[in-house]
PDB file of N, CA and C in Angstrom:
ATOM      1  N   MET A   1     -87.429  42.440  50.674  1.00  0.00           N
ATOM      2  CA  MET A   1     -86.346  41.959  49.851  1.00  0.00           C
ATOM      3  C   MET A   1     -85.273  43.033  49.691  1.00  0.00           C
ATOM      4  N   ALA A   2     -85.689  44.304  49.680  1.00  0.00           N
ATOM      5  CA  ALA A   2     -84.721  45.375  49.487  1.00  0.00           C
ATOM      6  C   ALA A   2     -83.696  45.413  50.610  1.00  0.00           C
ATOM      7  N   GLN A   3     -84.114  44.968  51.812  1.00  0.00           N
ATOM      8  CA  GLN A   3     -83.183  44.988  52.929  1.00  0.00           C
ATOM      9  C   GLN A   3     -82.031  44.030  52.721  1.00  0.00           C
ATOM     10  N   TYR A   4     -82.208  43.028  51.856  1.00  0.00           N
ATOM     11  CA  TYR A   4     -81.161  42.059  51.585  1.00  0.00           C
ATOM     12  C   TYR A   4     -80.284  42.458  50.407  1.00  0.00           C
ATOM     13  N   SER A   5     -80.668  43.495  49.674  1.00  0.00           N
ATOM     14  CA  SER A   5     -80.058  43.787  48.394  1.00  0.00           C
ATOM     15  C   SER A   5     -78.540  43.911  48.434  1.00  0.00           C
ATOM     16  N   SER A   6     -78.009  44.766  49.288  1.00  0.00           N
ATOM     17  CA  SER A   6     -76.556  44.947  49.293  1.00  0.00           C
ATOM     18  C   SER A   6     -75.846  43.683  49.773  1.00  0.00           C
ATOM     19  N   THR A   7     -76.449  42.997  50.728  1.00  0.00           N
ATOM     20  CA  THR A   7     -75.867  41.739  51.202  1.00  0.00           C
ATOM     21  C   THR A   7     -75.850  40.706  50.081  1.00  0.00           C
ATOM     22  N   LEU A   8     -76.975  40.566  49.395  1.00  0.00           N
ATOM     23  CA  LEU A   8     -77.048  39.597  48.304  1.00  0.00           C
ATOM     24  C   LEU A   8     -76.087  39.949  47.185  1.00  0.00           C
ATOM     25  N   ASP A   9     -76.008  41.234  46.849  1.00  0.00           N
ATOM     26  CA  ASP A   9     -75.076  41.647  45.793  1.00  0.00           C
ATOM     27  C   ASP A   9     -73.648  41.234  46.142  1.00  0.00           C
ATOM     28  N   THR A  10     -73.260  41.504  47.363  1.00  0.00           N
ATOM     29  CA  THR A  10     -71.905  41.183  47.810  1.00  0.00           C
ATOM     30  C   THR A  10     -71.650  39.679  47.795  1.00  0.00           C
ATOM     31  N   VAL A  11     -72.617  38.931  48.284  1.00  0.00           N
ATOM     32  CA  VAL A  11     -72.451  37.474  48.345  1.00  0.00           C
ATOM     33  C   VAL A  11     -72.418  36.870  46.951  1.00  0.00           C
ATOM     34  N   PHE A  12     -73.364  37.258  46.104  1.00  0.00           N
ATOM     35  CA  PHE A  12     -73.380  36.685  44.758  1.00  0.00           C
ATOM     36  C   PHE A  12     -72.134  37.086  43.976  1.00  0.00           C
ATOM     37  N   GLU A  13     -71.665  38.294  44.172  1.00  0.00           N
ATOM     38  CA  GLU A  13     -70.430  38.722  43.502  1.00  0.00           C
ATOM     39  C   GLU A  13     -69.266  37.837  43.945  1.00  0.00           C
ATOM     40  N   ALA A  14     -69.199  37.534  45.218  1.00  0.00           N
ATOM     41  CA  ALA A  14     -68.118  36.665  45.722  1.00  0.00           C
ATOM     42  C   ALA A  14     -68.240  35.258  45.156  1.00  0.00           C
ATOM     43  N   LEU A  15     -69.467  34.800  44.962  1.00  0.00           N
ATOM     44  CA  LEU A  15     -69.678  33.426  44.510  1.00  0.00           C
ATOM     45  C   LEU A  15     -69.554  33.250  43.002  1.00  0.00           C
ATOM     46  N   THR A  16     -69.297  34.328  42.273  1.00  0.00           N
ATOM     47  CA  THR A  16     -69.158  34.198  40.818  1.00  0.00           C
ATOM     48  C   THR A  16     -67.871  33.479  40.430  1.00  0.00           C
ATOM     49  N   ASP A  17     -66.927  33.417  41.338  1.00  0.00           N
ATOM     50  CA  ASP A  17     -65.629  32.830  41.016  1.00  0.00           C
ATOM     51  C   ASP A  17     -65.587  31.349  41.428  1.00  0.00           C
ATOM     52  N   PRO A  18     -65.158  30.456  40.532  1.00  0.00           N
ATOM     53  CA  PRO A  18     -65.130  29.018  40.871  1.00  0.00           C
ATOM     54  C   PRO A  18     -64.177  28.679  42.010  1.00  0.00           C
ATOM     55  N   THR A  19     -63.087  29.415  42.143  1.00  0.00           N
ATOM     56  CA  THR A  19     -62.166  29.158  43.256  1.00  0.00           C
ATOM     57  C   THR A  19     -62.854  29.448  44.582  1.00  0.00           C
ATOM     58  N   ARG A  20     -63.583  30.535  44.632  1.00  0.00           N
ATOM     59  CA  ARG A  20     -64.276  30.903  45.874  1.00  0.00           C
ATOM     60  C   ARG A  20     -65.373  29.896  46.203  1.00  0.00           C
ATOM     61  N   ARG A  21     -66.077  29.439  45.172  1.00  0.00           N
ATOM     62  CA  ARG A  21     -67.113  28.429  45.423  1.00  0.00           C
ATOM     63  C   ARG A  21     -66.476  27.134  45.935  1.00  0.00           C
ATOM     64  N   ALA A  22     -65.315  26.792  45.406  1.00  0.00           N
ATOM     65  CA  ALA A  22     -64.623  25.585  45.874  1.00  0.00           C
ATOM     66  C   ALA A  22     -64.197  25.749  47.334  1.00  0.00           C
ATOM     67  N   VAL A  23     -63.765  26.934  47.700  1.00  0.00           N
ATOM     68  CA  VAL A  23     -63.384  27.183  49.100  1.00  0.00           C
ATOM     69  C   VAL A  23     -64.615  27.051  49.999  1.00  0.00           C
ATOM     70  N   ILE A  24     -65.727  27.618  49.561  1.00  0.00           N
ATOM     71  CA  ILE A  24     -66.965  27.510  50.348  1.00  0.00           C
ATOM     72  C   ILE A  24     -67.357  26.035  50.500  1.00  0.00           C
ATOM     73  N   ARG A  25     -67.279  25.289  49.406  1.00  0.00           N
ATOM     74  CA  ARG A  25     -67.622  23.853  49.447  1.00  0.00           C
ATOM     75  C   ARG A  25     -66.719  23.133  50.446  1.00  0.00           C
ATOM     76  N   ARG A  26     -65.429  23.416  50.391  1.00  0.00           N
ATOM     77  CA  ARG A  26     -64.473  22.766  51.298  1.00  0.00           C
ATOM     78  C   ARG A  26     -64.762  23.136  52.746  1.00  0.00           C
ATOM     79  N   LEU A  27     -65.061  24.417  53.004  1.00  0.00           N
ATOM     80  CA  LEU A  27     -65.321  24.850  54.375  1.00  0.00           C
ATOM     81  C   LEU A  27     -66.655  24.308  54.898  1.00  0.00           C
ATOM     82  N   GLY A  28     -67.510  23.828  54.007  1.00  0.00           N
ATOM     83  CA  GLY A  28     -68.741  23.177  54.451  1.00  0.00           C
ATOM     84  C   GLY A  28     -68.448  21.921  55.252  1.00  0.00           C
ATOM     85  N   GLY A  29     -67.257  21.375  55.057  1.00  0.00           N
ATOM     86  CA  GLY A  29     -66.843  20.186  55.805  1.00  0.00           C
ATOM     87  C   GLY A  29     -66.166  20.512  57.126  1.00  0.00           C
ATOM     88  N   GLY A  30     -65.974  21.809  57.389  1.00  0.00           N
ATOM     89  CA  GLY A  30     -65.349  22.215  58.638  1.00  0.00           C
ATOM     90  C   GLY A  30     -64.256  23.237  58.402  1.00  0.00           C
ATOM     91  N   PRO A  31     -63.819  23.898  59.460  1.00  0.00           N
ATOM     92  CA  PRO A  31     -62.787  24.926  59.337  1.00  0.00           C
ATOM     93  C   PRO A  31     -61.491  24.369  58.758  1.00  0.00           C
ATOM     94  N   ALA A  32     -60.729  25.252  58.107  1.00  0.00           N
ATOM     95  CA  ALA A  32     -59.440  24.861  57.526  1.00  0.00           C
ATOM     96  C   ALA A  32     -58.527  26.070  57.527  1.00  0.00           C
ATOM     97  N   SER A  33     -57.237  25.800  57.554  1.00  0.00           N
ATOM     98  CA  SER A  33     -56.275  26.903  57.500  1.00  0.00           C
ATOM     99  C   SER A  33     -56.158  27.387  56.060  1.00  0.00           C
ATOM    100  N   VAL A  34     -55.659  28.599  55.897  1.00  0.00           N
ATOM    101  CA  VAL A  34     -55.443  29.141  54.555  1.00  0.00           C
ATOM    102  C   VAL A  34     -54.481  28.246  53.789  1.00  0.00           C
ATOM    103  N   GLY A  35     -53.452  27.730  54.480  1.00  0.00           N
ATOM    104  CA  GLY A  35     -52.487  26.849  53.825  1.00  0.00           C
ATOM    105  C   GLY A  35     -53.133  25.573  53.303  1.00  0.00           C
ATOM    106  N   GLU A  36     -54.011  24.984  54.111  1.00  0.00           N
ATOM    107  CA  GLU A  36     -54.723  23.778  53.670  1.00  0.00           C
ATOM    108  C   GLU A  36     -55.594  24.070  52.456  1.00  0.00           C
ATOM    109  N   LEU A  37     -56.301  25.188  52.521  1.00  0.00           N
ATOM    110  CA  LEU A  37     -57.185  25.551  51.408  1.00  0.00           C
ATOM    111  C   LEU A  37     -56.371  25.839  50.150  1.00  0.00           C
ATOM    112  N   ALA A  38     -55.281  26.579  50.312  1.00  0.00           N
ATOM    113  CA  ALA A  38     -54.462  26.966  49.157  1.00  0.00           C
ATOM    114  C   ALA A  38     -53.801  25.771  48.491  1.00  0.00           C
ATOM    115  N   SER A  39     -53.532  24.723  49.262  1.00  0.00           N
ATOM    116  CA  SER A  39     -52.837  23.562  48.702  1.00  0.00           C
ATOM    117  C   SER A  39     -53.655  22.850  47.622  1.00  0.00           C
ATOM    118  N   GLU A  40     -54.937  23.116  47.575  1.00  0.00           N
ATOM    119  CA  GLU A  40     -55.812  22.478  46.587  1.00  0.00           C
ATOM    120  C   GLU A  40     -55.816  23.210  45.246  1.00  0.00           C
ATOM    121  N   PHE A  41     -55.095  24.332  45.165  1.00  0.00           N
ATOM    122  CA  PHE A  41     -55.097  25.140  43.947  1.00  0.00           C
ATOM    123  C   PHE A  41     -53.666  25.341  43.456  1.00  0.00           C
ATOM    124  N   THR A  42     -53.524  25.585  42.156  1.00  0.00           N
ATOM    125  CA  THR A  42     -52.194  25.736  41.568  1.00  0.00           C
ATOM    126  C   THR A  42     -51.738  27.188  41.531  1.00  0.00           C
ATOM    127  N   MET A  43     -52.513  28.093  42.044  1.00  0.00           N
ATOM    128  CA  MET A  43     -52.144  29.514  41.983  1.00  0.00           C
ATOM    129  C   MET A  43     -51.192  29.891  43.123  1.00  0.00           C
ATOM    130  N   ALA A  44     -50.528  31.016  42.946  1.00  0.00           N
ATOM    131  CA  ALA A  44     -49.611  31.529  43.968  1.00  0.00           C
ATOM    132  C   ALA A  44     -50.405  31.968  45.198  1.00  0.00           C
ATOM    133  N   LEU A  45     -49.774  31.893  46.347  1.00  0.00           N
ATOM    134  CA  LEU A  45     -50.458  32.232  47.600  1.00  0.00           C
ATOM    135  C   LEU A  45     -51.040  33.651  47.599  1.00  0.00           C
ATOM    136  N   PRO A  46     -50.297  34.674  47.109  1.00  0.00           N
ATOM    137  CA  PRO A  46     -50.895  36.023  47.095  1.00  0.00           C
ATOM    138  C   PRO A  46     -52.197  36.082  46.277  1.00  0.00           C
ATOM    139  N   SER A  47     -52.232  35.347  45.178  1.00  0.00           N
ATOM    140  CA  SER A  47     -53.468  35.306  44.378  1.00  0.00           C
ATOM    141  C   SER A  47     -54.580  34.613  45.149  1.00  0.00           C
ATOM    142  N   PHE A  48     -54.240  33.534  45.827  1.00  0.00           N
ATOM    143  CA  PHE A  48     -55.253  32.810  46.603  1.00  0.00           C
ATOM    144  C   PHE A  48     -55.770  33.678  47.749  1.00  0.00           C
ATOM    145  N   LEU A  49     -54.871  34.450  48.349  1.00  0.00           N
ATOM    146  CA  LEU A  49     -55.293  35.312  49.471  1.00  0.00           C
ATOM    147  C   LEU A  49     -56.300  36.369  49.024  1.00  0.00           C
ATOM    148  N   ARG A  50     -56.230  36.786  47.768  1.00  0.00           N
ATOM    149  CA  ARG A  50     -57.234  37.734  47.256  1.00  0.00           C
ATOM    150  C   ARG A  50     -58.628  37.097  47.292  1.00  0.00           C
ATOM    151  N   HIS A  51     -58.692  35.810  46.991  1.00  0.00           N
ATOM    152  CA  HIS A  51     -59.983  35.115  47.063  1.00  0.00           C
ATOM    153  C   HIS A  51     -60.471  35.031  48.513  1.00  0.00           C
ATOM    154  N   ILE A  52     -59.552  34.746  49.404  1.00  0.00           N
ATOM    155  CA  ILE A  52     -59.927  34.673  50.820  1.00  0.00           C
ATOM    156  C   ILE A  52     -60.438  36.023  51.301  1.00  0.00           C
ATOM    157  N   ARG A  53     -59.759  37.090  50.923  1.00  0.00           N
ATOM    158  CA  ARG A  53     -60.207  38.433  51.335  1.00  0.00           C
ATOM    159  C   ARG A  53     -61.583  38.759  50.749  1.00  0.00           C
ATOM    160  N   ALA A  54     -61.817  38.353  49.500  1.00  0.00           N
ATOM    161  CA  ALA A  54     -63.133  38.601  48.887  1.00  0.00           C
ATOM    162  C   ALA A  54     -64.232  37.854  49.637  1.00  0.00           C
ATOM    163  N   LEU A  55     -63.949  36.606  50.002  1.00  0.00           N
ATOM    164  CA  LEU A  55     -64.940  35.823  50.751  1.00  0.00           C
ATOM    165  C   LEU A  55     -65.164  36.401  52.139  1.00  0.00           C
ATOM    166  N   GLU A  56     -64.098  36.843  52.747  1.00  0.00           N
ATOM    167  CA  GLU A  56     -64.213  37.447  54.074  1.00  0.00           C
ATOM    168  C   GLU A  56     -64.986  38.760  53.993  1.00  0.00           C
ATOM    169  N   GLY A  57     -64.698  39.546  52.967  1.00  0.00           N
ATOM    170  CA  GLY A  57     -65.388  40.822  52.772  1.00  0.00           C
ATOM    171  C   GLY A  57     -66.883  40.645  52.515  1.00  0.00           C
ATOM    172  N   SER A  58     -67.235  39.538  51.904  1.00  0.00           N
ATOM    173  CA  SER A  58     -68.653  39.275  51.630  1.00  0.00           C
ATOM    174  C   SER A  58     -69.371  38.737  52.864  1.00  0.00           C
ATOM    175  N   GLY A  59     -68.601  38.358  53.862  1.00  0.00           N
ATOM    176  CA  GLY A  59     -69.198  37.790  55.074  1.00  0.00           C
ATOM    177  C   GLY A  59     -69.429  36.298  54.993  1.00  0.00           C
ATOM    178  N   LEU A  60     -68.999  35.669  53.891  1.00  0.00           N
ATOM    179  CA  LEU A  60     -69.221  34.231  53.745  1.00  0.00           C
ATOM    180  C   LEU A  60     -68.283  33.404  54.613  1.00  0.00           C
ATOM    181  N   ILE A  61     -67.114  33.946  54.885  1.00  0.00           N
ATOM    182  CA  ILE A  61     -66.196  33.241  55.773  1.00  0.00           C
ATOM    183  C   ILE A  61     -65.664  34.218  56.820  1.00  0.00           C
ATOM    184  N   ARG A  62     -65.174  33.651  57.888  1.00  0.00           N
ATOM    185  CA  ARG A  62     -64.519  34.422  58.947  1.00  0.00           C
ATOM    186  C   ARG A  62     -63.136  33.814  59.105  1.00  0.00           C
ATOM    187  N   THR A  63     -62.145  34.672  59.319  1.00  0.00           N
ATOM    188  CA  THR A  63     -60.801  34.159  59.566  1.00  0.00           C
ATOM    189  C   THR A  63     -60.317  34.676  60.910  1.00  0.00           C
ATOM    190  N   ARG A  64     -59.497  33.864  61.536  1.00  0.00           N
ATOM    191  CA  ARG A  64     -58.857  34.311  62.782  1.00  0.00           C
ATOM    192  C   ARG A  64     -57.464  33.707  62.815  1.00  0.00           C
ATOM    193  N   LYS A  65     -56.572  34.481  63.346  1.00  0.00           N
ATOM    194  CA  LYS A  65     -55.190  34.053  63.376  1.00  0.00           C
ATOM    195  C   LYS A  65     -54.872  33.425  64.715  1.00  0.00           C
ATOM    196  N   THR A  66     -54.292  32.235  64.654  1.00  0.00           N
ATOM    197  CA  THR A  66     -53.854  31.527  65.853  1.00  0.00           C
ATOM    198  C   THR A  66     -52.372  31.230  65.652  1.00  0.00           C
ATOM    199  N   GLY A  67     -51.539  32.007  66.306  1.00  0.00           N
ATOM    200  CA  GLY A  67     -50.101  31.858  66.089  1.00  0.00           C
ATOM    201  C   GLY A  67     -49.744  32.268  64.678  1.00  0.00           C
ATOM    202  N   ARG A  68     -49.159  31.347  63.937  1.00  0.00           N
ATOM    203  CA  ARG A  68     -48.778  31.651  62.552  1.00  0.00           C
ATOM    204  C   ARG A  68     -49.801  31.145  61.535  1.00  0.00           C
ATOM    205  N   VAL A  69     -50.873  30.569  62.042  1.00  0.00           N
ATOM    206  CA  VAL A  69     -51.878  29.964  61.164  1.00  0.00           C
ATOM    207  C   VAL A  69     -53.134  30.809  61.134  1.00  0.00           C
ATOM    208  N   ARG A  70     -53.651  31.054  59.929  1.00  0.00           N
ATOM    209  CA  ARG A  70     -54.933  31.750  59.783  1.00  0.00           C
ATOM    210  C   ARG A  70     -55.989  30.703  59.462  1.00  0.00           C
ATOM    211  N   LEU A  71     -56.959  30.571  60.362  1.00  0.00           N
ATOM    212  CA  LEU A  71     -58.008  29.572  60.233  1.00  0.00           C
ATOM    213  C   LEU A  71     -59.260  30.201  59.628  1.00  0.00           C
ATOM    214  N   CYS A  72     -59.843  29.533  58.654  1.00  0.00           N
ATOM    215  CA  CYS A  72     -61.046  30.014  57.972  1.00  0.00           C
ATOM    216  C   CYS A  72     -62.250  29.174  58.404  1.00  0.00           C
ATOM    217  N   THR A  73     -63.364  29.866  58.624  1.00  0.00           N
ATOM    218  CA  THR A  73     -64.597  29.205  59.033  1.00  0.00           C
ATOM    219  C   THR A  73     -65.742  29.739  58.176  1.00  0.00           C
ATOM    220  N   LEU A  74     -66.611  28.858  57.770  1.00  0.00           N
ATOM    221  CA  LEU A  74     -67.779  29.242  56.987  1.00  0.00           C
ATOM    222  C   LEU A  74     -68.793  29.949  57.875  1.00  0.00           C
ATOM    223  N   GLU A  75     -69.371  31.032  57.380  1.00  0.00           N
ATOM    224  CA  GLU A  75     -70.421  31.760  58.100  1.00  0.00           C
ATOM    225  C   GLU A  75     -71.776  31.290  57.566  1.00  0.00           C
ATOM    226  N   HIS A  76     -72.374  30.359  58.256  1.00  0.00           N
ATOM    227  CA  HIS A  76     -73.624  29.753  57.798  1.00  0.00           C
ATOM    228  C   HIS A  76     -74.770  30.760  57.716  1.00  0.00           C
ATOM    229  N   ASP A  77     -74.769  31.753  58.600  1.00  0.00           N
ATOM    230  CA  ASP A  77     -75.851  32.749  58.578  1.00  0.00           C
ATOM    231  C   ASP A  77     -75.887  33.509  57.259  1.00  0.00           C
ATOM    232  N   ARG A  78     -74.725  33.792  56.705  1.00  0.00           N
ATOM    233  CA  ARG A  78     -74.684  34.537  55.440  1.00  0.00           C
ATOM    234  C   ARG A  78     -75.207  33.673  54.295  1.00  0.00           C
ATOM    235  N   LEU A  79     -74.900  32.399  54.321  1.00  0.00           N
ATOM    236  CA  LEU A  79     -75.443  31.498  53.305  1.00  0.00           C
ATOM    237  C   LEU A  79     -76.950  31.349  53.469  1.00  0.00           C
ATOM    238  N   ALA A  80     -77.434  31.434  54.687  1.00  0.00           N
ATOM    239  CA  ALA A  80     -78.870  31.315  54.924  1.00  0.00           C
ATOM    240  C   ALA A  80     -79.624  32.472  54.278  1.00  0.00           C
ATOM    241  N   VAL A  81     -79.014  33.650  54.216  1.00  0.00           N
ATOM    242  CA  VAL A  81     -79.648  34.792  53.546  1.00  0.00           C
ATOM    243  C   VAL A  81     -79.850  34.478  52.069  1.00  0.00           C
ATOM    244  N   VAL A  82     -78.842  33.889  51.456  1.00  0.00           N
ATOM    245  CA  VAL A  82     -78.946  33.509  50.043  1.00  0.00           C
ATOM    246  C   VAL A  82     -80.009  32.430  49.875  1.00  0.00           C
ATOM    247  N   ASP A  83     -80.001  31.456  50.752  1.00  0.00           N
ATOM    248  CA  ASP A  83     -80.977  30.374  50.678  1.00  0.00           C
ATOM    249  C   ASP A  83     -82.393  30.934  50.819  1.00  0.00           C
ATOM    250  N   GLY A  84     -82.595  31.876  51.723  1.00  0.00           N
ATOM    251  CA  GLY A  84     -83.904  32.497  51.898  1.00  0.00           C
ATOM    252  C   GLY A  84     -84.360  33.232  50.647  1.00  0.00           C
ATOM    253  N   TRP A  85     -83.443  33.957  50.023  1.00  0.00           N
ATOM    254  CA  TRP A  85     -83.779  34.696  48.805  1.00  0.00           C
ATOM    255  C   TRP A  85     -84.156  33.717  47.689  1.00  0.00           C
ATOM    256  N   LEU A  86     -83.379  32.650  47.545  1.00  0.00           N
ATOM    257  CA  LEU A  86     -83.673  31.658  46.515  1.00  0.00           C
ATOM    258  C   LEU A  86     -85.013  30.971  46.781  1.00  0.00           C
ATOM    259  N   ALA A  87     -85.331  30.721  48.038  1.00  0.00           N
ATOM    260  CA  ALA A  87     -86.616  30.108  48.375  1.00  0.00           C
ATOM    261  C   ALA A  87     -87.771  31.032  47.994  1.00  0.00           C
ATOM    262  N   GLU A  88     -87.602  32.340  48.237  1.00  0.00           N
ATOM    263  CA  GLU A  88     -88.639  33.300  47.827  1.00  0.00           C
ATOM    264  C   GLU A  88     -88.844  33.260  46.321  1.00  0.00           C
ATOM    265  N   GLN A  89     -87.744  33.249  45.568  1.00  0.00           N
ATOM    266  CA  GLN A  89     -87.850  33.223  44.105  1.00  0.00           C
ATOM    267  C   GLN A  89     -88.504  31.947  43.618  1.00  0.00           C
ATOM    268  N   ARG A  90     -88.138  30.825  44.248  1.00  0.00           N
ATOM    269  CA  ARG A  90     -88.712  29.533  43.878  1.00  0.00           C
ATOM    270  C   ARG A  90     -90.227  29.535  44.112  1.00  0.00           C
ATOM    271  N   ALA A  91     -90.654  30.091  45.249  1.00  0.00           N
ATOM    272  CA  ALA A  91     -92.085  30.140  45.572  1.00  0.00           C
ATOM    273  C   ALA A  91     -92.845  30.990  44.559  1.00  0.00           C
ATOM    274  N   ILE A  92     -92.260  32.106  44.164  1.00  0.00           N
ATOM    275  CA  ILE A  92     -92.905  32.972  43.161  1.00  0.00           C
ATOM    276  C   ILE A  92     -93.085  32.222  41.853  1.00  0.00           C
ATOM    277  N   TRP A  93     -92.056  31.545  41.390  1.00  0.00           N
ATOM    278  CA  TRP A  93     -92.135  30.863  40.101  1.00  0.00           C
ATOM    279  C   TRP A  93     -93.008  29.622  40.161  1.00  0.00           C
ATOM    280  N   GLU A  94     -92.996  28.937  41.285  1.00  0.00           N
ATOM    281  CA  GLU A  94     -93.889  27.786  41.411  1.00  0.00           C
ATOM    282  C   GLU A  94     -95.337  28.227  41.409  1.00  0.00           C
ATOM    283  N   SER A  95     -95.626  29.350  42.044  1.00  0.00           N
ATOM    284  CA  SER A  95     -96.986  29.885  42.042  1.00  0.00           C
ATOM    285  C   SER A  95     -97.414  30.247  40.620  1.00  0.00           C
ATOM    286  N   ARG A  96     -96.517  30.862  39.879  1.00  0.00           N
ATOM    287  CA  ARG A  96     -96.839  31.248  38.496  1.00  0.00           C
ATOM    288  C   ARG A  96     -97.066  30.017  37.619  1.00  0.00           C
ATOM    289  N   THR A  97     -96.228  29.029  37.759  1.00  0.00           N
ATOM    290  CA  THR A  97     -96.414  27.836  36.923  1.00  0.00           C
ATOM    291  C   THR A  97     -97.664  27.067  37.332  1.00  0.00           C
ATOM    292  N   ASP A  98     -98.004  27.094  38.628  1.00  0.00           N
ATOM    293  CA  ASP A  98     -99.244  26.455  39.074  1.00  0.00           C
ATOM    294  C   ASP A  98    -100.452  27.145  38.446  1.00  0.00           C
ATOM    295  N   ARG A  99    -100.436  28.485  38.432  1.00  0.00           N
ATOM    296  CA  ARG A  99    -101.553  29.231  37.823  1.00  0.00           C
ATOM    297  C   ARG A  99    -101.631  28.954  36.327  1.00  0.00           C
ATOM    298  N   LEU A 100    -100.473  28.879  35.655  1.00  0.00           N
ATOM    299  CA  LEU A 100    -100.461  28.585  34.222  1.00  0.00           C
ATOM    300  C   LEU A 100    -101.011  27.187  33.968  1.00  0.00           C
ATOM    301  N   GLU A 101    -100.614  26.225  34.783  1.00  0.00           N
ATOM    302  CA  GLU A 101    -101.103  24.863  34.635  1.00  0.00           C
ATOM    303  C   GLU A 101    -102.619  24.814  34.819  1.00  0.00           C
ATOM    304  N   GLN A 102    -103.115  25.535  35.825  1.00  0.00           N
ATOM    305  CA  GLN A 102    -104.556  25.575  36.067  1.00  0.00           C
ATOM    306  C   GLN A 102    -105.280  26.225  34.890  1.00  0.00           C
ATOM    307  N   HIS A 103    -104.728  27.296  34.375  1.00  0.00           N
ATOM    308  CA  HIS A 103    -105.327  27.987  33.230  1.00  0.00           C
ATOM    309  C   HIS A 103    -105.388  27.055  32.017  1.00  0.00           C
ATOM    310  N   LEU A 104    -104.312  26.341  31.760  1.00  0.00           N
ATOM    311  CA  LEU A 104    -104.280  25.429  30.609  1.00  0.00           C
ATOM    312  C   LEU A 104    -105.269  24.277  30.778  1.00  0.00           C
ATOM    313  N   ARG A 105    -105.412  23.782  32.016  1.00  0.00           N
ATOM    314  CA  ARG A 105    -106.390  22.721  32.276  1.00  0.00           C
ATOM    315  C   ARG A 105    -107.817  23.208  32.023  1.00  0.00           C
ATOM    316  N   GLU A 106    -108.083  24.426  32.501  1.00  0.00           N
ATOM    317  CA  GLU A 106    -109.422  25.000  32.311  1.00  0.00           C
ATOM    318  C   GLU A 106    -109.693  25.259  30.832  1.00  0.00           C
ATOM    319  N   ALA A 107    -108.682  25.734  30.098  1.00  0.00           N
ATOM    320  CA  ALA A 107    -108.851  26.001  28.665  1.00  0.00           C
ATOM    321  C   ALA A 107    -109.089  24.702  27.900  1.00  0.00           C
ATOM    322  N   LYS A 108    -108.438  23.642  28.326  1.00  0.00           N
ATOM    323  CA  LYS A 108    -108.598  22.339  27.671  1.00  0.00           C
ATOM    324  C   LYS A 108    -110.000  21.785  27.910  1.00  0.00           C
ATOM    325  N   ASP A 109    -110.525  22.005  29.132  1.00  0.00           N
ATOM    326  CA  ASP A 109    -111.859  21.521  29.486  1.00  0.00           C
ATOM    327  C   ASP A 109    -112.965  22.265  28.747  1.00  0.00           C
ATOM    328  N   ASP A 110    -112.701  23.504  28.339  1.00  0.00           N
ATOM    329  CA  ASP A 110    -113.738  24.301  27.644  1.00  0.00           C
ATOM    330  C   ASP A 110    -113.973  23.868  26.230  1.00  0.00           C
TER     331      ASP A 110
END
């Protein structure tokens, strides 16, 4: 788990912002230009670009420039790291609750 620590920190930090989560949700439907993404928000373009840079810095999205358009693409591998970490946590807690349930059943039977 320690090998994921800096990656997870960066990704979770990027995902703390609702604008960034909305961009990730939108990019789940396919690539989009920065202009298309920005049109869904009421903030100024320079402010929106800070969110794009944060997402790019976290590795959650990749951007490439084609002519005058910057196209954003979701990086599914980076989301898979988060999904893997959450699955590990879920397994730990399910195991603990299963043991607690078993303990309570045994205590009730005694």
